[in-house]
C-alpha atoms as a PDB file:
ATOM      1  CA  UNK A   1      27.096   1.946 174.788  1.00  0.00           C
ATOM      2  CA  UNK A   2      25.313   0.589 171.728  1.00  0.00           C
ATOM      3  CA  UNK A   3      26.215   1.737 168.238  1.00  0.00           C
ATOM      4  CA  UNK A   4      23.456   3.366 166.221  1.00  0.00           C
ATOM      5  CA  UNK A   5      22.148   1.691 163.084  1.00  0.00           C
ATOM      6  CA  UNK A   6      23.594   4.557 161.012  1.00  0.00           C
ATOM      7  CA  UNK A   7      27.107   4.205 162.416  1.00  0.00           C
ATOM      8  CA  UNK A   8      29.645   2.236 160.344  1.00  0.00           C
ATOM      9  CA  UNK A   9      31.353   1.297 163.613  1.00  0.00           C
ATOM     10  CA  UNK A  10      30.920  -2.372 164.466  1.00  0.00           C
ATOM     11  CA  UNK A  11      28.752  -3.096 161.440  1.00  0.00           C
ATOM     12  CA  UNK A  12      30.262  -6.060 159.626  1.00  0.00           C
ATOM     13  CA  UNK A  13      29.177  -7.225 156.205  1.00  0.00           C
ATOM     14  CA  UNK A  14      26.944 -10.292 156.079  1.00  0.00           C
ATOM     15  CA  UNK A  15      28.847 -13.387 154.930  1.00  0.00           C
ATOM     16  CA  UNK A  16      25.671 -14.719 153.279  1.00  0.00           C
ATOM     17  CA  UNK A  17      24.453 -11.782 151.167  1.00  0.00           C
ATOM     18  CA  UNK A  18      27.084  -9.038 151.609  1.00  0.00           C
ATOM     19  CA  UNK A  19      24.765  -6.389 153.090  1.00  0.00           C
ATOM     20  CA  UNK A  20      25.797  -4.353 156.129  1.00  0.00           C
ATOM     21  CA  UNK A  21      24.601  -6.023 159.315  1.00  0.00           C
ATOM     22  CA  UNK A  22      22.914  -4.112 162.123  1.00  0.00           C
ATOM     23  CA  UNK A  23      23.714  -4.253 165.802  1.00  0.00           C
ATOM     24  CA  UNK A  24      21.152  -6.531 167.455  1.00  0.00           C
ATOM     25  CA  UNK A  25      22.137  -6.973 171.110  1.00  0.00           C
ATOM     26  CA  UNK A  26      24.975  -7.447 173.540  1.00  0.00           C
ATOM     27  CA  UNK A  27      25.478  -9.694 176.532  1.00  0.00           C
ATOM     28  CA  UNK A  28      27.766  -8.466 179.320  1.00  0.00           C
ATOM     29  CA  UNK A  29      30.768 -10.442 180.453  1.00  0.00           C
ATOM     30  CA  UNK A  30      29.850 -13.183 182.913  1.00  0.00           C
ATOM     31  CA  UNK A  31      32.629 -14.646 185.034  1.00  0.00           C
ATOM     32  CA  UNK A  32      35.395 -15.933 182.761  1.00  0.00           C
ATOM     33  CA  UNK A  33      33.171 -15.661 179.669  1.00  0.00           C
ATOM     34  CA  UNK A  34      33.722 -12.629 177.425  1.00  0.00           C
ATOM     35  CA  UNK A  35      31.091 -10.029 176.620  1.00  0.00           C
ATOM     36  CA  UNK A  36      29.221 -10.949 173.427  1.00  0.00           C
ATOM     37  CA  UNK A  37      27.761  -8.814 170.673  1.00  0.00           C
ATOM     38  CA  UNK A  38      25.241  -9.908 168.014  1.00  0.00           C
ATOM     39  CA  UNK A  39      24.571  -8.489 164.554  1.00  0.00           C
ATOM     40  CA  UNK A  40      21.608  -9.256 162.322  1.00  0.00           C
ATOM     41  CA  UNK A  41      21.316  -8.894 158.572  1.00  0.00           C
ATOM     42  CA  UNK A  42      17.987  -7.254 157.806  1.00  0.00           C
ATOM     43  CA  UNK A  43      18.196  -8.415 154.180  1.00  0.00           C
ATOM     44  CA  UNK A  44      18.563 -12.184 154.704  1.00  0.00           C
ATOM     45  CA  UNK A  45      18.133 -12.690 158.467  1.00  0.00           C
ATOM     46  CA  UNK A  46      21.616 -14.136 159.117  1.00  0.00           C
ATOM     47  CA  UNK A  47      22.793 -13.536 162.711  1.00  0.00           C
ATOM     48  CA  UNK A  48      26.385 -13.450 163.960  1.00  0.00           C
ATOM     49  CA  UNK A  49      27.371 -13.474 167.637  1.00  0.00           C
ATOM     50  CA  UNK A  50      30.989 -12.995 168.612  1.00  0.00           C
ATOM     51  CA  UNK A  51      33.093 -11.923 171.570  1.00  0.00           C
ATOM     52  CA  UNK A  52      33.047  -8.150 171.869  1.00  0.00           C
ATOM     53  CA  UNK A  53      36.843  -8.011 171.566  1.00  0.00           C
ATOM     54  CA  UNK A  54      36.529  -9.591 168.091  1.00  0.00           C
ATOM     55  CA  UNK A  55      33.924  -7.081 166.905  1.00  0.00           C
ATOM     56  CA  UNK A  56      34.892  -4.986 163.875  1.00  0.00           C
ATOM     57  CA  UNK A  57      36.467  -1.629 164.639  1.00  0.00           C
ATOM     58  CA  UNK A  58      36.423   1.508 162.505  1.00  0.00           C
ATOM     59  CA  UNK A  59      39.289   1.922 160.032  1.00  0.00           C
END
C-alpha cells in the first residue's frame, strides 16, 4: 500500500528546507535486506531513502 500525497502518514519534513516530503517509491524486502521507502521534497528536490521500519508513523 502506498500513502497518498495528501496523507500526513509517512510524510517526514525535509531536513534541508523544512517542507513536507512526498512519498516517491518503495522497494520490497530482498533476502536479508529490509524493505526501503523513499521520499522526495518537491520544494528543493532532496530525497531520503530509509528502511520501511524506520519510516515516520502517525502520532
